[in-house]
Every structure is written in structure tokens, then in C-alpha cells.
């Protein structure tokens, strides 16, 4: 197994997807095998399987904790039930969107889009991450096979791979892999943040502007992340459940931009920080996910089906009570995250604004045109008038 010595415990969060937490179907003291089903959906959700062989030591409200056996065969696992139904295989495997909120993939793919567009999101949108790009470079044929399965499942007429031109090696590999596939094409995204946003992809590839709250299905399109496609292929071809994950570890660690491929879900952030040579001191917080949309974690934070990676930050500067204005953007930092950062810098929030494109949809503020910043001069001047000495924001195209 990549990533150093095995942790003494492995933690499976019961909510690794959109929907309610799963229901455990194992008991404390039970010995389970790698690939064995350990929790089932409670309504909308996805199956959770053990990523390692070991003994269940605790079941808490939000997690199952496993003590792994000393000897592990990472090539062996409990295979999914045999089926000729692709959608059933995907559901049994517990596949969820690996690059976002974790929407159950079988539910998304149950929509038929005859004449529509099946789009693979290969943007690798968040800064510093590179695990998806590495998969594209090394296994482009697997992605193409996955698209062919998805075209068959959804009835879409064409498959697009949406990628930035800057990822030259991945572009070449993918182009070569689909050169004899008349229904699959590589399409280019603008090199900006957030190029991987679903509405940005639909706008740039299909020239359709979705309103805030509208999903790609409105444009007769379905979008899947690169790693999601990889896990779909494993479920169909290998009868393998989602028990492994690809992540990037970067920041204040001694081995930068380290990609860990097919590592067991449930291992902790510290496991991979140590495997990356340990911290560079001084260091600050651990961010789970990208610098824009991630959240603060701890060394104990476990890898889930949606974890993109761990970033170790510099220590926060001490601003000695400086007054801040914070500017919220749907594409970047949200208000709670920005307030947390100001607090950790010893500052004080005296003013708050939202980007002028933010509109309230179903109780959530959404951007009306993600990826096209309208300019923030009015907001900045307003916050300055309210006493802000510095502005903290994370707007698109920064």
C-alpha cells in the first residue's frame, strides 16, 4: 500500500454523500473483509464498504471505527454481486461524485438524455491538486471506456472531456485515446477559476447559460468528475466497490504535490502528511479539500469518497486586531470560512458584502454567472467606509 505504515485505526464516516447518514449493518467485534458492505443508505445515499480487512472496534453516531489486520492484500476484496445492469453495479458499488458534494451517481445517471451530452469534468479546478490530471495522463483509455458505458446508460449522443489546455500531457493522452471514437471529443475550458463549475462547463462547451439553481440536466447534459468515471469503470469491469480514493497532499510538507492513488478510504490526514515527509515548520492549519472550497480539518480527519486532498498552510499572521471587511463569492470563500480566517489572524470583522452577482435561490446564495467577475470596486469602497482596514475575499478569476 502507498503511503507508509498502516494506521492503528480506520474511520468510516457514515455521511460521505448527499443525503442522510448511512445505517451501520455491522456490530462491534465483527471481523470484516476489504470490500465488505458495512453501511447502507437511509433514504438518499450510497453504500459504504470496508476499505481494509479488520475488526470493528466502535460504532458511533456518525462513524464506524475499524482496527485493521496487520497483513493486508490490497489486490483482494469482496466483489460486488454479478449483474449485467451497469446502473445496478454503480449503485451496489456506492459510487458518488468524487469531486464535489458526493451526489449518488446511480441516481444522477437514472436520467435519460437522448440526443444529449455526457461531459467528463477534467478541469482539476482547485489550485495545487494534480491527482485527476495524473490519472488522465496514465489511464486515458480507462476514462474513454467509462464514457462509452455512460453513453449507453444515459442515451447521450456524444461524450465530451472538458479540460484546460494548460494540462498538455493529459490533453495529448486523452486525444490519442479517443481519436478513433467518433462520439467522444476533447473540449477546452478557459484557464481560470472556477472552470470546473458545472454551469461554467455548460456555458463554455454548450453555449447555454443556466440560471442559478438550474442543473446541467436542464441543458440535456450530465457531468461526471474524472475519478467518478474511474470508479464507475471499476464497478462494472472489476465488480469493485468504492473502497479506494485518489488524493493530493501539498503545502507545508517536505514532499510537495504528492499524489496518492487508490489509497484506502478511512485513513487519516496525518497518515499522508507523514508519508509526504512530515511538516515543514512553521506550519498552520490542515485544509481538507482545495484552498477555495475546502474546510479546516485536523490530523484525525479521515479520507472519504469526496476527499480531494489535504493542504498544510502557513501559520496565520497575527494582525493584532486589524479591522477586516469580508467579501463572499459563491465560487470562492463563503462567509463562515472567511470569518474563521479573520478570527485566526486575530482580526475583527467590521463589514460584510456579497458579490453583486449573488442571488438567493432556495435558501442559498448562488452566483448568476460563475467565472465572470463583475468587479468589486463598489463593495470594497463600501467596506472601507465602514472601517475596514483590509479586505479578505476569494472571488472567481483571482
Protein backbone atom coordinates (compact mmCIF):
# COMPACT_ATOMS: atom_id res chain seq x y z
CA UNK A 1 0.00 0.00 0.00
CA UNK A 2 1.21 3.51 -0.82
CA UNK A 3 1.55 5.99 1.99
CA UNK A 4 3.73 4.45 4.70
CA UNK A 5 2.76 2.22 7.61
CA UNK A 6 -0.86 1.36 8.31
CA UNK A 7 -2.73 3.46 10.85
CA UNK A 8 -3.86 1.76 14.04
CA UNK A 9 -7.44 2.72 13.32
CA UNK A 10 -9.52 3.46 10.25
CA UNK A 11 -12.58 5.73 10.39
CA UNK A 12 -15.55 5.46 8.04
CA UNK A 13 -17.84 8.46 8.29
CA UNK A 14 -21.46 7.44 7.79
CA UNK A 15 -22.16 10.53 5.67
CA UNK A 16 -19.91 10.51 2.61
CA UNK A 17 -22.61 11.63 0.21
CA UNK A 18 -25.58 13.91 -0.26
CA UNK A 19 -28.48 12.67 1.89
CA UNK A 20 -28.85 11.22 5.37
CA UNK A 21 -26.06 9.31 7.13
CA UNK A 22 -25.93 5.60 6.35
CA UNK A 23 -27.13 2.89 8.74
CA UNK A 24 -24.40 0.55 10.01
CA UNK A 25 -25.05 -3.15 9.32
CA UNK A 26 -22.08 -4.45 11.33
CA UNK A 27 -21.50 -4.91 15.05
CA UNK A 28 -18.65 -4.11 17.41
CA UNK A 29 -16.27 -7.04 17.48
CA UNK A 30 -17.21 -8.20 13.98
CA UNK A 31 -14.37 -9.09 11.62
CA UNK A 32 -14.92 -7.67 8.14
CA UNK A 33 -13.09 -8.09 4.85
CA UNK A 34 -11.83 -5.46 2.43
CA UNK A 35 -14.78 -4.68 0.16
CA UNK A 36 -17.43 -5.95 2.59
CA UNK A 37 -20.60 -3.86 2.93
CA UNK A 38 -20.67 -2.17 6.35
CA UNK A 39 -23.38 0.52 6.00
CA UNK A 40 -26.45 1.05 3.83
CA UNK A 41 -28.33 4.20 2.78
CA UNK A 42 -31.07 5.63 4.95
CA UNK A 43 -33.02 7.24 2.11
CA UNK A 44 -30.90 9.15 -0.43
CA UNK A 45 -27.32 7.95 -0.05
CA UNK A 46 -24.78 5.33 -1.08
CA UNK A 47 -23.43 2.03 0.20
CA UNK A 48 -20.26 2.15 2.31
CA UNK A 49 -17.80 -0.74 2.21
CA UNK A 50 -14.78 -1.54 4.35
CA UNK A 51 -11.57 -0.47 2.62
CA UNK A 52 -9.43 -2.81 4.75
CA UNK A 53 -9.75 -6.15 6.47
CA UNK A 54 -10.06 -5.83 10.23
CA UNK A 55 -12.23 -5.78 13.35
CA UNK A 56 -14.92 -3.22 14.12
CA UNK A 57 -13.94 -1.61 17.43
CA UNK A 58 -16.59 1.14 17.74
CA UNK A 59 -19.81 2.34 16.16
CA UNK A 60 -20.69 5.96 16.91
CA UNK A 61 -23.47 8.23 15.72
CA UNK A 62 -21.51 9.43 12.70
CA UNK A 63 -18.81 6.78 12.14
CA UNK A 64 -17.59 3.21 12.19
CA UNK A 65 -14.07 2.60 13.53
CA UNK A 66 -12.01 -0.37 12.41
CA UNK A 67 -8.80 -1.88 13.74
CA UNK A 68 -7.10 -3.21 10.57
CA UNK A 69 -5.31 -6.54 10.46
CA UNK A 70 -1.53 -6.36 10.25
CA UNK A 71 -1.44 -8.19 6.90
CA UNK A 72 -3.44 -6.64 4.05
CA UNK A 73 -3.82 -7.80 0.46
CA UNK A 74 -4.76 -4.63 -1.39
CA UNK A 75 -5.45 -6.54 -4.62
CA UNK A 76 -8.09 -8.70 -2.94
CA UNK A 77 -11.58 -7.56 -1.98
CA UNK A 78 -15.13 -8.84 -1.69
CA UNK A 79 -16.55 -8.48 -5.18
CA UNK A 80 -19.92 -6.94 -5.90
CA UNK A 81 -22.81 -9.23 -6.88
CA UNK A 82 -22.75 -10.18 -10.56
CA UNK A 83 -25.04 -8.11 -12.75
CA UNK A 84 -25.36 -7.17 -16.40
CA UNK A 85 -27.07 -3.93 -15.42
CA UNK A 86 -24.49 -1.12 -15.37
CA UNK A 87 -26.64 1.17 -13.25
CA UNK A 88 -27.15 -1.58 -10.68
CA UNK A 89 -23.40 -2.19 -10.50
CA UNK A 90 -22.78 1.52 -9.90
CA UNK A 91 -25.41 1.63 -7.16
CA UNK A 92 -24.11 -1.52 -5.47
CA UNK A 93 -20.56 -0.10 -5.52
CA UNK A 94 -21.62 3.05 -3.67
CA UNK A 95 -20.26 5.41 -6.33
CA UNK A 96 -20.77 9.11 -5.57
CA UNK A 97 -19.50 12.30 -7.17
CA UNK A 98 -15.84 12.22 -6.19
CA UNK A 99 -15.12 15.86 -6.94
CA UNK A 100 -17.93 17.65 -5.14
CA UNK A 101 -20.74 17.15 -2.67
CA UNK A 102 -21.00 13.42 -3.28
CA UNK A 103 -24.34 13.08 -5.06
CA UNK A 104 -25.14 9.36 -5.53
CA UNK A 105 -24.05 8.58 -9.08
CA UNK A 106 -26.66 5.93 -9.81
CA UNK A 107 -29.41 8.47 -9.04
CA UNK A 108 -27.86 11.06 -11.35
CA UNK A 109 -27.41 8.52 -14.16
CA UNK A 110 -31.01 7.33 -13.90
CA UNK A 111 -31.89 10.37 -16.03
CA UNK A 112 -32.08 9.59 -19.72
CA UNK A 113 -30.78 12.32 -22.06
CA UNK A 114 -31.39 11.05 -25.60
CA UNK A 115 -29.50 13.28 -28.01
CA UNK A 116 -27.78 14.93 -25.06
CA UNK A 117 -24.24 15.43 -23.77
CA UNK A 118 -22.25 13.29 -21.38
CA UNK A 119 -19.44 15.51 -20.07
CA UNK A 120 -16.43 14.42 -18.05
CA UNK A 121 -15.12 17.22 -15.84
CA UNK A 122 -11.34 17.03 -16.20
CA UNK A 123 -10.71 20.65 -15.17
CA UNK A 124 -8.76 19.86 -11.97
CA UNK A 125 -10.22 23.16 -10.85
CA UNK A 126 -8.82 23.76 -7.37
CA UNK A 127 -5.24 25.08 -7.19
CA UNK A 128 -2.46 22.66 -6.14
CA UNK A 129 -4.37 19.44 -6.84
CA UNK A 130 -2.98 17.16 -9.54
CA UNK A 131 -4.30 13.62 -8.91
CA UNK A 132 -7.02 13.79 -11.58
CA UNK A 133 -4.54 15.08 -14.15
CA UNK A 134 -2.17 12.22 -13.34
CA UNK A 135 -4.97 9.69 -13.91
CA UNK A 136 -5.77 11.35 -17.24
CA UNK A 137 -2.14 11.08 -18.30
CA UNK A 138 -1.65 7.47 -17.17
CA UNK A 139 -5.03 5.86 -17.82
CA UNK A 140 -6.80 7.78 -20.60
CA UNK A 141 -8.19 4.57 -22.11
CA UNK A 142 -10.00 3.84 -18.84
CA UNK A 143 -11.70 7.24 -18.99
CA UNK A 144 -12.76 6.64 -22.59
CA UNK A 145 -14.19 3.22 -21.69
CA UNK A 146 -16.09 4.88 -18.86
CA UNK A 147 -17.57 7.45 -21.22
CA UNK A 148 -18.77 4.65 -23.51
CA UNK A 149 -20.53 2.98 -20.58
CA UNK A 150 -22.10 6.30 -19.61
CA UNK A 151 -23.27 6.99 -23.17
CA UNK A 152 -25.01 3.63 -23.15
CA UNK A 153 -26.58 4.20 -19.73
CA UNK A 154 -27.88 7.72 -20.42
CA UNK A 155 -28.63 7.56 -24.15
CA UNK A 156 -26.50 10.68 -24.74
CA UNK A 157 -25.36 11.21 -28.32
CA UNK A 158 -21.86 12.47 -27.58
CA UNK A 159 -19.26 12.45 -24.83
CA UNK A 160 -17.07 15.47 -24.13
CA UNK A 161 -13.94 15.59 -21.97
CA UNK A 162 -13.73 19.13 -20.57
CA UNK A 163 -10.13 20.08 -19.80
CA UNK A 164 -7.85 23.13 -19.62
CA UNK A 165 -5.26 23.48 -22.39
CA UNK A 166 -2.56 24.01 -19.76
CA UNK A 167 -2.65 20.29 -18.90
CA UNK A 168 -0.66 19.47 -22.05
CA UNK A 169 0.31 15.85 -21.30
CA UNK A 170 -3.23 14.95 -20.26
CA UNK A 171 -4.68 16.62 -23.37
CA UNK A 172 -2.35 14.63 -25.61
CA UNK A 173 -3.06 11.34 -23.83
CA UNK A 174 -6.83 11.82 -23.91
CA UNK A 175 -6.78 12.98 -27.53
CA UNK A 176 -4.88 9.87 -28.54
CA UNK A 177 -7.22 7.60 -26.56
CA UNK A 178 -10.37 8.90 -28.26
CA UNK A 179 -9.05 9.55 -31.79
CA UNK A 180 -10.96 6.53 -33.12
CA UNK A 181 -14.09 7.26 -31.10
CA UNK A 182 -16.41 9.37 -33.28
CA UNK A 183 -18.77 10.12 -30.38
CA UNK A 184 -16.10 11.25 -27.89
CA UNK A 185 -14.22 14.55 -28.12
CA UNK A 186 -11.79 16.62 -26.05
CA UNK A 187 -13.12 20.13 -25.42
CA UNK A 188 -11.17 23.03 -23.91
CA UNK A 189 -12.06 25.15 -20.91
CA UNK A 190 -10.70 28.59 -20.11
CA UNK A 191 -7.73 28.52 -17.75
CA UNK A 192 -9.43 30.28 -14.85
CA UNK A 193 -11.19 29.56 -11.58
CA UNK A 194 -13.81 28.06 -11.36
CA UNK A 195 -13.55 26.35 -14.76
CA UNK A 196 -14.78 23.12 -13.16
CA UNK A 197 -18.09 24.60 -12.01
CA UNK A 198 -20.90 22.72 -13.76
CA UNK A 199 -22.61 25.86 -15.02
CA UNK A 200 -19.29 27.19 -16.35
CA UNK A 201 -18.72 23.92 -18.21
CA UNK A 202 -22.21 24.01 -19.75
CA UNK A 203 -21.75 27.66 -20.74
CA UNK A 204 -18.34 27.15 -22.33
CA UNK A 205 -18.98 23.81 -24.06
CA UNK A 206 -22.68 24.07 -25.00
CA UNK A 207 -23.15 27.85 -25.10
CA UNK A 208 -26.11 27.55 -22.73
CA UNK A 209 -26.37 29.82 -19.69
CA UNK A 210 -28.04 28.04 -16.80
CA UNK A 211 -29.82 30.16 -14.22
CA UNK A 212 -28.77 29.94 -10.55
CA UNK A 213 -30.12 26.70 -9.16
CA UNK A 214 -30.53 25.04 -12.56
CA UNK A 215 -28.71 21.74 -13.07
CA UNK A 216 -26.93 20.56 -16.26
CA UNK A 217 -29.88 18.24 -16.97
CA UNK A 218 -31.76 21.43 -17.96
CA UNK A 219 -29.28 21.66 -20.87
CA UNK A 220 -29.76 17.95 -21.65
CA UNK A 221 -26.36 17.24 -20.14
CA UNK A 222 -24.90 15.12 -17.34
CA UNK A 223 -21.46 15.91 -15.90
CA UNK A 224 -19.22 13.47 -14.05
CA UNK A 225 -15.85 14.04 -12.40
CA UNK A 226 -12.81 12.13 -13.76
CA UNK A 227 -12.40 10.00 -10.64
CA UNK A 228 -16.11 9.23 -10.58
CA UNK A 229 -15.74 7.80 -14.09
CA UNK A 230 -12.73 5.77 -12.91
CA UNK A 231 -14.78 4.26 -10.06
CA UNK A 232 -17.66 3.52 -12.44
CA UNK A 233 -15.32 1.50 -14.67
CA UNK A 234 -14.04 -0.43 -11.65
CA UNK A 235 -17.60 -1.23 -10.55
CA UNK A 236 -18.58 -2.50 -14.00
CA UNK A 237 -15.39 -4.27 -15.09
CA UNK A 238 -13.89 -5.43 -11.78
CA UNK A 239 -17.01 -5.62 -9.59
CA UNK A 240 -15.09 -3.41 -7.19
CA UNK A 241 -16.88 -1.23 -4.62
CA UNK A 242 -15.68 2.30 -3.84
CA UNK A 243 -13.07 1.48 -1.21
CA UNK A 244 -10.12 3.49 -2.53
CA UNK A 245 -9.50 7.15 -3.29
CA UNK A 246 -7.03 9.35 -5.18
CA UNK A 247 -5.78 12.41 -3.30
CA UNK A 248 -3.11 15.12 -3.44
CA UNK A 249 -1.09 16.29 -0.42
CA UNK A 250 0.67 19.65 -0.70
CA UNK A 251 1.63 22.82 1.12
CA UNK A 252 3.93 22.83 4.15
CA UNK A 253 5.06 19.23 3.75
CA UNK A 254 8.54 18.09 2.74
CA UNK A 255 7.43 16.28 -0.43
CA UNK A 256 5.34 18.69 -2.47
CA UNK A 257 2.45 17.81 -4.79
CA UNK A 258 2.40 14.18 -3.70
CA UNK A 259 -0.29 12.08 -5.38
CA UNK A 260 -1.60 9.01 -3.58
CA UNK A 261 -3.52 6.76 -5.93
CA UNK A 262 -6.00 4.12 -4.79
CA UNK A 263 -5.40 4.60 -1.08
CA UNK A 264 -7.91 3.04 1.36
CA UNK A 265 -10.77 5.31 2.39
CA UNK A 266 -10.78 5.96 6.13
CA UNK A 267 -7.09 6.65 6.76
CA UNK A 268 -6.29 9.96 8.44
CA UNK A 269 -4.77 13.21 7.20
CA UNK A 270 -1.74 12.63 9.45
CA UNK A 271 -1.07 9.29 7.77
CA UNK A 272 -0.49 11.04 4.45
CA UNK A 273 1.26 14.09 5.88
CA UNK A 274 3.76 11.72 7.49
CA UNK A 275 4.06 9.77 4.23
CA UNK A 276 4.85 13.07 2.48
CA UNK A 277 7.90 13.59 4.67
CA UNK A 278 6.12 15.31 7.53
CA UNK A 279 5.58 19.01 8.19
CA UNK A 280 7.77 21.89 7.19
CA UNK A 281 7.89 24.15 10.22
CA UNK A 282 6.42 26.53 10.92
CA UNK A 283 3.07 25.36 9.61
CA UNK A 284 -0.57 26.24 10.15
CA UNK A 285 -3.94 24.60 9.60
CA UNK A 286 -4.77 21.50 7.60
CA UNK A 287 -7.27 22.25 4.86
CA UNK A 288 -9.44 19.36 3.68
CA UNK A 289 -10.10 19.97 0.01
CA UNK A 290 -8.99 22.91 -2.08
CA UNK A 291 -7.93 26.36 -0.90
CA UNK A 292 -11.14 27.92 -2.24
CA UNK A 293 -13.86 25.46 -1.29
CA UNK A 294 -12.16 23.33 1.38
CA UNK A 295 -12.63 23.44 5.13
CA UNK A 296 -10.38 23.28 8.17
CA UNK A 297 -9.61 19.76 9.35
CA UNK A 298 -7.35 18.05 11.88
CA UNK A 299 -4.73 15.34 11.77
CA UNK A 300 -7.51 12.85 12.59
CA UNK A 301 -9.75 13.87 9.66
CA UNK A 302 -10.36 10.70 7.60
CA UNK A 303 -10.34 10.33 3.84
CA UNK A 304 -13.88 9.94 2.47
CA UNK A 305 -15.26 9.26 -1.01
CA UNK A 306 -15.22 13.00 -1.72
CA UNK A 307 -11.86 14.00 -0.21
CA UNK A 308 -9.67 15.63 -2.86
CA UNK A 309 -6.67 16.00 -0.62
CA UNK A 310 -5.01 17.73 2.31
CA UNK A 311 -3.19 21.06 2.18
CA UNK A 312 -0.96 22.22 5.04
CA UNK A 313 -0.95 26.00 5.29
CA UNK A 314 1.50 28.58 6.54
CA UNK A 315 0.75 29.86 10.06
CA UNK A 316 -1.78 32.67 10.07
CA UNK A 317 -0.18 36.10 10.57
CA UNK A 318 -1.13 37.95 13.73
CA UNK A 319 -2.93 41.09 12.58
CA UNK A 320 -3.20 42.49 16.14
CA UNK A 321 -6.90 43.28 15.99
CA UNK A 322 -6.94 44.73 12.45
CA UNK A 323 -10.43 45.56 11.13
CA UNK A 324 -11.48 43.44 8.14
CA UNK A 325 -14.13 43.58 5.50
CA UNK A 326 -15.08 40.19 4.05
CA UNK A 327 -16.44 39.72 0.54
CA UNK A 328 -18.31 36.49 -0.14
CA UNK A 329 -18.31 34.82 -3.56
CA UNK A 330 -20.11 31.55 -4.33
CA UNK A 331 -17.14 30.42 -6.42
CA UNK A 332 -14.66 31.01 -3.60
CA UNK A 333 -14.66 31.62 0.14
CA UNK A 334 -18.03 31.55 1.89
CA UNK A 335 -18.86 33.76 4.88
CA UNK A 336 -18.20 31.16 7.66
CA UNK A 337 -14.81 30.26 6.16
CA UNK A 338 -13.80 33.93 5.77
CA UNK A 339 -14.86 34.75 9.33
CA UNK A 340 -12.86 31.77 10.62
CA UNK A 341 -9.73 33.01 8.85
CA UNK A 342 -10.11 36.54 10.21
CA UNK A 343 -10.60 35.16 13.72
CA UNK A 344 -7.46 33.01 13.45
CA UNK A 345 -5.48 36.06 12.34
CA UNK A 346 -6.61 37.90 15.46
CA UNK A 347 -8.66 40.33 13.39
CA UNK A 348 -12.17 41.72 13.69
CA UNK A 349 -14.87 41.68 11.01
CA UNK A 350 -16.43 45.12 10.76
CA UNK A 351 -18.07 44.85 7.34
CA UNK A 352 -19.57 42.16 5.13
CA UNK A 353 -20.60 42.15 1.47
CA UNK A 354 -21.63 39.60 -1.13
CA UNK A 355 -20.57 39.75 -4.76
CA UNK A 356 -23.16 41.70 -6.74
CA UNK A 357 -23.94 38.58 -8.81
CA UNK A 358 -25.14 36.61 -5.75
CA UNK A 359 -28.87 35.86 -5.76
CA UNK A 360 -30.95 33.93 -3.23
CA UNK A 361 -32.22 30.60 -4.62
CA UNK A 362 -33.99 28.07 -2.39
CA UNK A 363 -32.41 29.50 0.75
CA UNK A 364 -28.87 29.60 -0.67
CA UNK A 365 -26.97 32.44 -2.31
CA UNK A 366 -25.85 31.44 -5.81
CA UNK A 367 -23.81 33.24 -8.47
CA UNK A 368 -25.78 34.32 -11.53
CA UNK A 369 -22.76 34.00 -13.84
CA UNK A 370 -19.94 31.95 -12.22
CA UNK A 371 -16.43 32.54 -13.52
CA UNK A 372 -17.06 36.07 -14.81
CA UNK A 373 -16.23 38.53 -12.05
CA UNK A 374 -18.30 41.74 -12.34
CA UNK A 375 -15.71 43.82 -10.48
CA UNK A 376 -15.89 44.54 -6.76
CA UNK A 377 -14.99 48.24 -6.51
CA UNK A 378 -18.35 49.29 -5.03
CA UNK A 379 -18.21 46.56 -2.39
CA UNK A 380 -14.61 47.39 -1.46
CA UNK A 381 -15.31 51.13 -1.18
CA UNK A 382 -18.40 50.42 0.94
CA UNK A 383 -16.45 48.23 3.34
CA UNK A 384 -13.70 50.84 3.61
CA UNK A 385 -16.32 53.43 4.58
CA UNK A 386 -17.49 51.07 7.33
CA UNK A 387 -14.00 50.98 8.82
CA UNK A 388 -12.35 48.02 7.10
CA UNK A 389 -8.58 48.37 7.00
CA UNK A 390 -8.11 45.19 4.93
CA UNK A 391 -10.35 43.13 2.66
CA UNK A 392 -10.49 39.31 2.68
CA UNK A 393 -12.07 37.60 -0.31
CA UNK A 394 -11.69 34.69 -2.70
CA UNK A 395 -13.57 35.75 -5.81
CA UNK A 396 -13.56 33.97 -9.16
CA UNK A 397 -10.72 34.58 -11.65
CA UNK A 398 -8.35 35.54 -8.79
